[in-house]
Amino acid sequence: MTESALREPLAYPFEQPDGLALHPLYADLRQRPPVRVRMPYGEDAWLVTRYTDAKSVLGDSRFSMAAAAGRDRPRVRPVAVSGGGLLSTDGPDHARLRGTVAKAFTARRVERLRERVREIAEGLSRDMTESGAPADLGERFAYPLAITVIGELLGISQEGHVRVRDWLDVMMSHTVTADEFHKWNNTFAAYTAELVELRRREPGEDLFSALVRAHDQEGRITMRELMALAPVLISAGFVTTYHQISNSCYLLLARPDRFSSLLGRPETLPRAVEELLRYVPLPNGFAFPRYATEDIELGGALVRAGDPVLVDTAAANRDPAVFHDADELVLDRTVNPHLSFGHGPHYCIGAHLARVELQVALEVLLEDKPGLRLAVPVKELRWKTGTMVNGLHELPVTW
């Protein structure tokens, strides 16, 4: 790319190649300081693609998420999505909100959930066997596993699973209109209000009951904050995990030698999961911008106070300056400081839970269906378009 081409903002997000490949332009951009980009809507922004720059932005309090309030945020669709709660606060406010839910996601507590996650996964695998092959692994296994686990943790009933999925199908769409967005958002807000009243009448040990107690009895959060926290926890705990499980299985089955290399070697699964997390470019042109609160030199570029910065963690996770054979899936990679869960104060609060679900999902499939394989050629698989998360429409498998 010529220097003159970089004087004008680049159209972003870049066209997504088929599957989980990254656009070749990223390799060129990582050789340069951050560049200016123009998303379909909102103001121009700086794009960060190098690992060191990405980690710097994510960990530096001078790049604020709260400062996005009231700004014409760079985005992929007309309507601006507020992160709400955890994703629109910094400093003490963020720490307070994070502390309200953090106990549910500690490594120790999540490890106690491992057996329950396995019980759910084994039941889903048995159901697939009883129904017979072929089956859609995404719909029959990845989706119900992710929604059941987060549903039980939050206290959402089976009936609520359908409402959550219908809402998220709209929220994750790049093509949703403003009217559709507000209609579905209001519908889900009403459902959240129903859950608040239910947990007031019938409190339990679930996270939603804890949120209600934090408001009603402890005064730690406002009702507005509670209403903002709920959809963020639901979407982050379901959408990304569901697609990560499905995409991981696709990568293993698209090259049968990858799947077979894990058979009988459960001790290698944690490393394989970390590599799958690094390799899968899950967000598709979707990132919450951070705004510089002062002039900051970043990787050779001067970011002025008030400028928005977008961090492309998928590009950073393929940085050859940090990862050997960065564009290859190396399942036994020993050093893997990927940024898939972020870094710094906004590090994904559900990282431990996501790891457990991915590890258990692969363990169960390897144990129960060692002959698992794709039921159609790779070229016949259909990738979703116009959505914020990369994934397949279906993942047909047999065994």
Protein backbone atom coordinates (compact mmCIF):
# COMPACT_ATOMS: atom_id res chain seq x y z
CA MET A 1 0.00 0.00 0.00
CA THR A 2 1.39 3.40 -0.98
CA GLU A 3 1.81 6.30 1.43
CA SER A 4 -0.62 8.37 -0.63
CA ALA A 5 -3.27 5.68 -0.22
CA LEU A 6 -2.92 5.94 3.55
CA ARG A 7 -3.56 9.69 3.64
CA GLU A 8 -7.27 9.08 3.19
CA PRO A 9 -9.11 6.95 5.78
CA LEU A 10 -9.45 3.31 4.75
CA ALA A 11 -12.91 1.81 4.44
CA TYR A 12 -13.39 -0.50 7.42
CA PRO A 13 -14.24 -3.24 8.27
CA PHE A 14 -12.35 -4.92 5.45
CA GLU A 15 -14.20 -7.40 3.30
CA GLN A 16 -14.24 -10.72 5.13
CA PRO A 17 -12.77 -13.62 3.15
CA ASP A 18 -14.60 -16.94 3.22
CA GLY A 19 -14.21 -18.90 6.40
CA LEU A 20 -11.97 -17.66 9.19
CA ALA A 21 -9.15 -16.18 7.11
CA LEU A 22 -8.10 -12.59 7.69
CA HIS A 23 -7.97 -9.99 4.93
CA PRO A 24 -4.44 -9.83 3.46
CA LEU A 25 -4.35 -6.06 4.08
CA TYR A 26 -3.74 -6.69 7.78
CA ALA A 27 -0.25 -8.05 7.08
CA ASP A 28 0.66 -4.76 5.42
CA LEU A 29 -0.91 -2.61 8.12
CA ARG A 30 1.03 -4.35 10.88
CA GLN A 31 4.22 -3.03 9.27
CA ARG A 32 3.03 0.57 9.75
CA PRO A 33 1.89 2.90 12.51
CA PRO A 34 -1.87 2.88 13.24
CA VAL A 35 -3.94 4.22 10.34
CA ARG A 36 -7.16 6.18 10.05
CA VAL A 37 -10.28 4.26 9.04
CA ARG A 38 -13.82 5.18 8.12
CA MET A 39 -16.61 2.85 9.17
CA PRO A 40 -19.98 2.96 7.38
CA TYR A 41 -21.35 5.22 10.13
CA GLY A 42 -19.92 7.55 12.73
CA GLU A 43 -16.71 9.51 12.94
CA ASP A 44 -13.33 8.42 11.61
CA ALA A 45 -11.09 6.45 13.95
CA TRP A 46 -7.59 5.09 14.40
CA LEU A 47 -7.24 1.36 13.72
CA VAL A 48 -4.78 -0.66 15.79
CA THR A 49 -3.61 -4.00 14.34
CA ARG A 50 -0.20 -4.66 15.94
CA TYR A 51 -0.07 -6.70 19.13
CA THR A 52 2.04 -4.28 21.16
CA ASP A 53 -0.14 -1.31 20.16
CA ALA A 54 -3.33 -3.25 20.89
CA LYS A 55 -2.15 -4.29 24.33
CA SER A 56 -1.07 -0.72 25.04
CA VAL A 57 -4.50 0.72 24.20
CA LEU A 58 -6.40 -1.95 26.10
CA GLY A 59 -4.33 -1.45 29.24
CA ASP A 60 -3.96 2.33 29.23
CA SER A 61 -6.58 4.25 31.25
CA ARG A 62 -6.01 7.28 29.01
CA PHE A 63 -8.02 5.43 26.35
CA SER A 64 -11.54 5.72 27.75
CA MET A 65 -14.68 3.73 26.96
CA ALA A 66 -16.86 6.06 29.04
CA ALA A 67 -15.80 9.00 26.84
CA ALA A 68 -17.81 7.49 23.98
CA ALA A 69 -21.00 8.82 25.59
CA GLY A 70 -22.58 11.47 23.42
CA ARG A 71 -20.16 10.90 20.54
CA ASP A 72 -20.99 9.78 17.01
CA ARG A 73 -19.22 6.47 17.55
CA PRO A 74 -17.71 4.66 14.56
CA ARG A 75 -19.93 1.69 13.76
CA VAL A 76 -21.19 -0.65 11.04
CA ARG A 77 -24.90 0.25 11.10
CA PRO A 78 -27.04 3.36 11.50
CA VAL A 79 -28.05 2.76 15.10
CA ALA A 80 -25.40 3.22 17.78
CA VAL A 81 -25.13 0.39 20.29
CA SER A 82 -24.36 1.37 23.86
CA GLY A 83 -22.20 -1.15 25.65
CA GLY A 84 -24.07 -0.45 28.83
CA GLY A 85 -22.67 -1.09 32.26
CA LEU A 86 -19.31 -2.82 32.01
CA LEU A 87 -18.58 -1.65 28.47
CA SER A 88 -19.33 2.04 28.90
CA THR A 89 -17.61 2.85 32.19
CA ASP A 90 -14.06 3.34 33.42
CA GLY A 91 -12.26 3.70 36.72
CA PRO A 92 -14.21 3.48 40.01
CA ASP A 93 -17.60 3.10 38.32
CA HIS A 94 -16.33 0.20 36.25
CA ALA A 95 -14.69 -1.42 39.28
CA ARG A 96 -17.93 -1.10 41.26
CA LEU A 97 -20.06 -2.68 38.53
CA ARG A 98 -17.50 -5.38 37.84
CA GLY A 99 -17.32 -6.22 41.54
CA THR A 100 -21.08 -6.75 41.57
CA VAL A 101 -20.84 -9.71 39.21
CA ALA A 102 -17.21 -10.83 39.57
CA LYS A 103 -17.87 -13.44 42.28
CA ALA A 104 -19.92 -15.51 39.85
CA PHE A 105 -17.02 -15.76 37.42
CA THR A 106 -13.99 -16.42 39.62
CA ALA A 107 -11.77 -19.32 38.53
CA ARG A 108 -12.62 -21.27 41.69
CA ARG A 109 -16.38 -20.92 41.30
CA VAL A 110 -16.28 -21.69 37.59
CA GLU A 111 -14.25 -24.84 38.23
CA ARG A 112 -17.07 -26.00 40.49
CA LEU A 113 -19.35 -25.67 37.45
CA ARG A 114 -17.17 -27.91 35.29
CA GLU A 115 -19.02 -31.10 36.16
CA ARG A 116 -22.39 -29.48 35.44
CA VAL A 117 -21.09 -28.26 32.07
CA ARG A 118 -19.92 -31.81 31.33
CA GLU A 119 -23.31 -33.22 32.33
CA ILE A 120 -25.04 -30.87 29.89
CA ALA A 121 -22.56 -31.62 27.09
CA GLU A 122 -22.80 -35.38 27.57
CA GLY A 123 -26.59 -35.20 27.47
CA LEU A 124 -26.51 -33.24 24.21
CA SER A 125 -24.06 -35.70 22.68
CA ARG A 126 -26.29 -38.62 23.68
CA ASP A 127 -29.30 -36.88 22.15
CA MET A 128 -27.40 -36.52 18.88
CA THR A 129 -26.53 -40.21 18.91
CA GLU A 130 -30.13 -41.23 19.57
CA SER A 131 -31.44 -38.98 16.80
CA GLY A 132 -28.85 -40.32 14.39
CA ALA A 133 -26.42 -38.82 11.93
CA PRO A 134 -26.05 -36.48 10.17
CA ALA A 135 -26.67 -33.64 12.60
CA ASP A 136 -26.01 -29.92 12.77
CA LEU A 137 -23.33 -29.68 15.45
CA GLY A 138 -23.94 -25.97 15.90
CA GLU A 139 -27.69 -26.27 16.43
CA ARG A 140 -27.71 -29.60 18.31
CA PHE A 141 -24.62 -29.14 20.48
CA ALA A 142 -22.85 -25.75 20.54
CA TYR A 143 -25.98 -23.59 20.78
CA PRO A 144 -27.85 -25.52 23.51
CA LEU A 145 -24.67 -25.98 25.54
CA ALA A 146 -23.85 -22.26 25.58
CA ILE A 147 -27.41 -21.06 26.23
CA THR A 148 -28.07 -23.66 28.94
CA VAL A 149 -24.88 -22.87 30.87
CA ILE A 150 -25.34 -19.09 30.85
CA GLY A 151 -29.08 -19.52 31.42
CA GLU A 152 -28.53 -21.54 34.59
CA LEU A 153 -25.86 -19.17 35.83
CA LEU A 154 -28.07 -16.13 35.33
CA GLY A 155 -31.37 -17.77 36.25
CA ILE A 156 -33.08 -17.72 32.84
CA SER A 157 -35.68 -20.42 32.18
CA GLN A 158 -35.93 -22.63 29.09
CA GLU A 159 -38.74 -20.41 27.83
CA GLY A 160 -36.40 -17.47 28.13
CA HIS A 161 -33.80 -19.15 25.90
CA VAL A 162 -35.95 -18.58 22.83
CA ARG A 163 -36.52 -14.94 23.71
CA VAL A 164 -32.79 -14.41 24.24
CA ARG A 165 -31.90 -15.95 20.90
CA ASP A 166 -34.53 -14.02 18.93
CA TRP A 167 -33.32 -10.77 20.50
CA LEU A 168 -29.66 -11.51 19.84
CA ASP A 169 -30.28 -12.41 16.21
CA VAL A 170 -31.40 -8.80 15.76
CA MET A 171 -28.76 -7.23 18.01
CA MET A 172 -25.90 -8.97 16.16
CA SER A 173 -27.12 -8.00 12.68
CA HIS A 174 -25.21 -5.43 10.64
CA THR A 175 -28.32 -4.78 8.54
CA VAL A 176 -30.90 -4.15 11.26
CA THR A 177 -32.79 -0.87 10.85
CA ALA A 178 -33.09 1.66 13.65
CA ASP A 179 -36.82 0.90 14.00
CA GLU A 180 -36.20 -2.84 14.28
CA PHE A 181 -33.38 -2.32 16.73
CA HIS A 182 -35.40 -0.13 19.07
CA LYS A 183 -38.43 -2.42 18.84
CA TRP A 184 -36.45 -5.49 19.86
CA ASN A 185 -34.44 -3.62 22.46
CA ASN A 186 -37.65 -2.40 24.11
CA THR A 187 -39.05 -5.92 23.98
CA PHE A 188 -35.99 -7.31 25.72
CA ALA A 189 -35.98 -4.50 28.27
CA ALA A 190 -39.53 -5.52 29.17
CA TYR A 191 -38.36 -9.13 29.55
CA THR A 192 -35.49 -7.99 31.79
CA ALA A 193 -37.99 -6.08 33.95
CA GLU A 194 -40.03 -9.30 34.24
CA LEU A 195 -36.92 -11.12 35.47
CA VAL A 196 -36.31 -8.41 38.08
CA GLU A 197 -39.82 -8.81 39.47
CA LEU A 198 -39.57 -12.61 39.39
CA ARG A 199 -36.32 -12.60 41.36
CA ARG A 200 -37.80 -10.19 43.87
CA ARG A 201 -40.61 -12.67 44.50
CA GLU A 202 -38.51 -15.81 44.16
CA PRO A 203 -34.85 -15.05 44.92
CA GLY A 204 -32.30 -17.77 44.27
CA GLU A 205 -28.56 -18.37 44.06
CA ASP A 206 -28.36 -17.26 40.42
CA LEU A 207 -26.58 -14.14 39.21
CA PHE A 208 -29.76 -12.27 38.37
CA SER A 209 -30.94 -12.65 41.96
CA ALA A 210 -27.57 -11.26 43.05
CA LEU A 211 -28.05 -8.23 40.81
CA VAL A 212 -31.50 -7.60 42.27
CA ARG A 213 -30.08 -7.84 45.81
CA ALA A 214 -27.25 -5.47 44.84
CA HIS A 215 -29.89 -2.90 43.89
CA ASP A 216 -32.71 -3.48 46.35
CA GLN A 217 -30.83 -4.35 49.53
CA GLU A 218 -27.24 -3.22 49.13
CA GLY A 219 -27.69 -0.08 47.02
CA ARG A 220 -24.55 -0.90 45.06
CA ILE A 221 -26.07 -0.38 41.59
CA THR A 222 -28.89 1.69 40.17
CA MET A 223 -31.84 0.18 38.34
CA ARG A 224 -30.54 1.68 35.12
CA GLU A 225 -27.21 -0.07 35.68
CA LEU A 226 -28.95 -3.35 36.44
CA MET A 227 -30.95 -3.09 33.23
CA ALA A 228 -27.74 -2.39 31.31
CA LEU A 229 -25.74 -5.19 32.93
CA ALA A 230 -28.23 -7.95 32.17
CA PRO A 231 -28.14 -7.88 28.34
CA VAL A 232 -24.35 -7.49 28.28
CA LEU A 233 -23.89 -10.56 30.49
CA ILE A 234 -26.39 -12.56 28.45
CA SER A 235 -24.97 -11.67 25.05
CA ALA A 236 -21.32 -12.02 26.05
CA GLY A 237 -21.97 -15.30 27.84
CA PHE A 238 -23.90 -16.85 24.97
CA VAL A 239 -23.12 -15.49 21.49
CA THR A 240 -19.35 -15.63 21.61
CA THR A 241 -19.16 -19.01 23.34
CA TYR A 242 -21.69 -20.59 20.98
CA HIS A 243 -19.82 -19.44 17.89
CA GLN A 244 -16.40 -20.21 19.37
CA ILE A 245 -17.41 -23.82 20.04
CA SER A 246 -18.86 -24.19 16.56
CA ASN A 247 -15.93 -22.49 14.81
CA SER A 248 -13.42 -24.52 16.82
CA CYS A 249 -15.11 -27.77 15.82
CA TYR A 250 -15.11 -26.63 12.19
CA LEU A 251 -11.35 -25.98 12.29
CA LEU A 252 -10.66 -29.37 13.81
CA LEU A 253 -12.93 -31.27 11.42
CA ALA A 254 -11.96 -29.39 8.26
CA ARG A 255 -8.54 -31.00 8.70
CA PRO A 256 -9.23 -34.48 10.15
CA ASP A 257 -5.61 -34.79 11.28
CA ARG A 258 -6.22 -31.98 13.74
CA PHE A 259 -9.14 -33.78 15.37
CA SER A 260 -7.31 -37.12 15.46
CA SER A 261 -4.22 -35.49 17.01
CA LEU A 262 -6.28 -34.73 20.12
CA LEU A 263 -7.80 -38.21 20.49
CA GLY A 264 -6.61 -39.89 23.64
CA ARG A 265 -4.59 -36.84 24.67
CA PRO A 266 -6.85 -34.85 27.01
CA GLU A 267 -3.82 -33.24 28.63
CA THR A 268 -3.25 -31.28 25.40
CA LEU A 269 -6.74 -29.78 25.28
CA PRO A 270 -6.08 -26.64 27.37
CA ARG A 271 -3.32 -25.59 24.97
CA ALA A 272 -5.46 -26.47 21.95
CA VAL A 273 -8.32 -24.35 23.32
CA GLU A 274 -6.02 -21.36 23.81
CA GLU A 275 -4.80 -21.70 20.23
CA LEU A 276 -8.34 -21.95 18.88
CA LEU A 277 -9.21 -18.82 20.85
CA ARG A 278 -6.23 -17.03 19.32
CA TYR A 279 -6.86 -18.20 15.78
CA VAL A 280 -10.62 -17.66 15.42
CA PRO A 281 -11.43 -14.06 14.38
CA LEU A 282 -14.75 -13.98 16.20
CA PRO A 283 -15.85 -10.32 16.05
CA ASN A 284 -16.57 -9.15 12.51
CA GLY A 285 -16.10 -5.39 12.23
CA PHE A 286 -17.49 -4.83 15.70
CA ALA A 287 -15.55 -3.15 18.49
CA PHE A 288 -16.35 -0.66 21.20
CA PRO A 289 -14.20 2.41 20.51
CA ARG A 290 -11.92 3.89 23.11
CA TYR A 291 -11.36 7.64 23.13
CA ALA A 292 -8.03 9.27 23.90
CA THR A 293 -8.35 11.62 26.85
CA GLU A 294 -5.09 13.40 25.98
CA ASP A 295 -2.59 13.49 23.14
CA ILE A 296 -0.86 10.09 23.08
CA GLU A 297 1.96 8.73 20.91
CA LEU A 298 0.90 5.28 19.79
CA GLY A 299 3.16 3.07 17.72
CA GLY A 300 4.53 5.97 15.69
CA ALA A 301 1.24 7.86 15.30
CA LEU A 302 0.05 10.85 17.30
CA VAL A 303 -3.47 10.23 18.59
CA ARG A 304 -5.03 13.51 19.57
CA ALA A 305 -7.26 13.98 22.61
CA GLY A 306 -10.82 13.10 21.64
CA ASP A 307 -9.85 10.73 18.84
CA PRO A 308 -11.55 7.29 18.84
CA VAL A 309 -9.38 4.19 18.57
CA LEU A 310 -10.53 0.75 17.39
CA VAL A 311 -8.53 -2.29 18.46
CA ASP A 312 -8.68 -5.24 16.07
CA THR A 313 -7.74 -8.13 18.37
CA ALA A 314 -8.09 -10.67 15.56
CA ALA A 315 -5.30 -8.91 13.65
CA ALA A 316 -3.20 -8.55 16.80
CA ASN A 317 -3.58 -12.27 17.49
CA ARG A 318 -1.96 -13.00 14.10
CA ASP A 319 1.02 -10.68 14.65
CA PRO A 320 4.18 -12.59 13.60
CA ALA A 321 6.24 -10.37 15.89
CA VAL A 322 4.65 -12.23 18.82
CA PHE A 323 3.38 -15.54 17.46
CA HIS A 324 5.57 -17.92 15.47
CA ASP A 325 3.71 -19.21 12.38
CA ALA A 326 1.02 -16.70 13.29
CA ASP A 327 -1.27 -17.59 10.37
CA GLU A 328 -1.14 -21.30 11.18
CA LEU A 329 -3.27 -23.17 13.70
CA VAL A 330 -0.65 -24.75 16.00
CA LEU A 331 -2.63 -26.78 18.53
CA ASP A 332 0.34 -27.46 20.81
CA ARG A 333 1.57 -23.85 20.89
CA THR A 334 3.30 -23.38 24.25
CA VAL A 335 3.54 -19.58 24.44
CA ASN A 336 0.19 -17.98 23.64
CA PRO A 337 -0.50 -14.54 25.14
CA HIS A 338 -3.52 -13.92 22.88
CA LEU A 339 -5.85 -10.97 23.33
CA SER A 340 -9.13 -12.75 22.57
CA PHE A 341 -10.43 -11.91 26.04
CA GLY A 342 -8.96 -8.43 25.94
CA HIS A 343 -6.45 -7.00 28.38
CA GLY A 344 -6.43 -4.59 31.27
CA PRO A 345 -9.41 -3.33 33.30
CA HIS A 346 -11.99 -4.49 30.73
CA TYR A 347 -10.58 -8.02 30.44
CA CYS A 348 -13.50 -10.38 29.76
CA ILE A 349 -15.11 -11.22 33.07
CA GLY A 350 -16.37 -14.55 31.70
CA ALA A 351 -13.00 -15.78 30.40
CA HIS A 352 -12.76 -18.65 32.89
CA LEU A 353 -16.26 -19.84 32.06
CA ALA A 354 -15.63 -19.68 28.32
CA ARG A 355 -12.46 -21.74 28.69
CA VAL A 356 -14.24 -24.40 30.73
CA GLU A 357 -17.08 -24.67 28.21
CA LEU A 358 -14.67 -25.00 25.28
CA GLN A 359 -12.50 -27.55 27.05
CA VAL A 360 -15.45 -29.66 28.15
CA ALA A 361 -17.19 -29.45 24.75
CA LEU A 362 -14.12 -30.82 22.97
CA GLU A 363 -13.45 -33.42 25.67
CA VAL A 364 -16.96 -34.82 25.37
CA LEU A 365 -16.95 -34.92 21.57
CA LEU A 366 -13.53 -36.62 21.49
CA GLU A 367 -14.60 -39.22 24.06
CA ASP A 368 -18.11 -39.87 22.79
CA LYS A 369 -17.63 -39.47 19.04
CA PRO A 370 -14.02 -40.26 18.11
CA GLY A 371 -15.16 -40.84 14.52
CA LEU A 372 -16.70 -37.37 14.23
CA ARG A 373 -16.28 -35.84 10.76
CA LEU A 374 -17.90 -33.35 8.42
CA ALA A 375 -20.96 -34.65 6.60
CA VAL A 376 -20.39 -32.37 3.58
CA PRO A 377 -17.31 -31.07 1.76
CA VAL A 378 -15.78 -27.94 3.29
CA LYS A 379 -16.61 -25.91 0.19
CA GLU A 380 -20.33 -26.55 0.73
CA LEU A 381 -20.40 -24.96 4.18
CA ARG A 382 -22.16 -21.58 4.28
CA TRP A 383 -20.72 -18.68 6.26
CA LYS A 384 -22.94 -16.02 7.77
CA THR A 385 -22.76 -12.51 6.36
CA GLY A 386 -24.04 -9.20 7.68
CA THR A 387 -23.50 -10.15 11.30
CA MET A 388 -21.15 -9.03 14.05
CA VAL A 389 -19.85 -12.51 14.84
CA ASN A 390 -18.21 -14.87 12.34
CA GLY A 391 -19.88 -18.25 12.12
CA LEU A 392 -21.54 -20.91 10.00
CA HIS A 393 -25.20 -21.21 9.18
CA GLU A 394 -24.88 -24.90 10.00
CA LEU A 395 -22.15 -27.45 10.70
CA PRO A 396 -23.34 -30.83 9.36
CA VAL A 397 -21.45 -33.75 10.94
CA THR A 398 -21.61 -37.50 11.02
CA TRP A 399 -19.81 -40.16 13.07
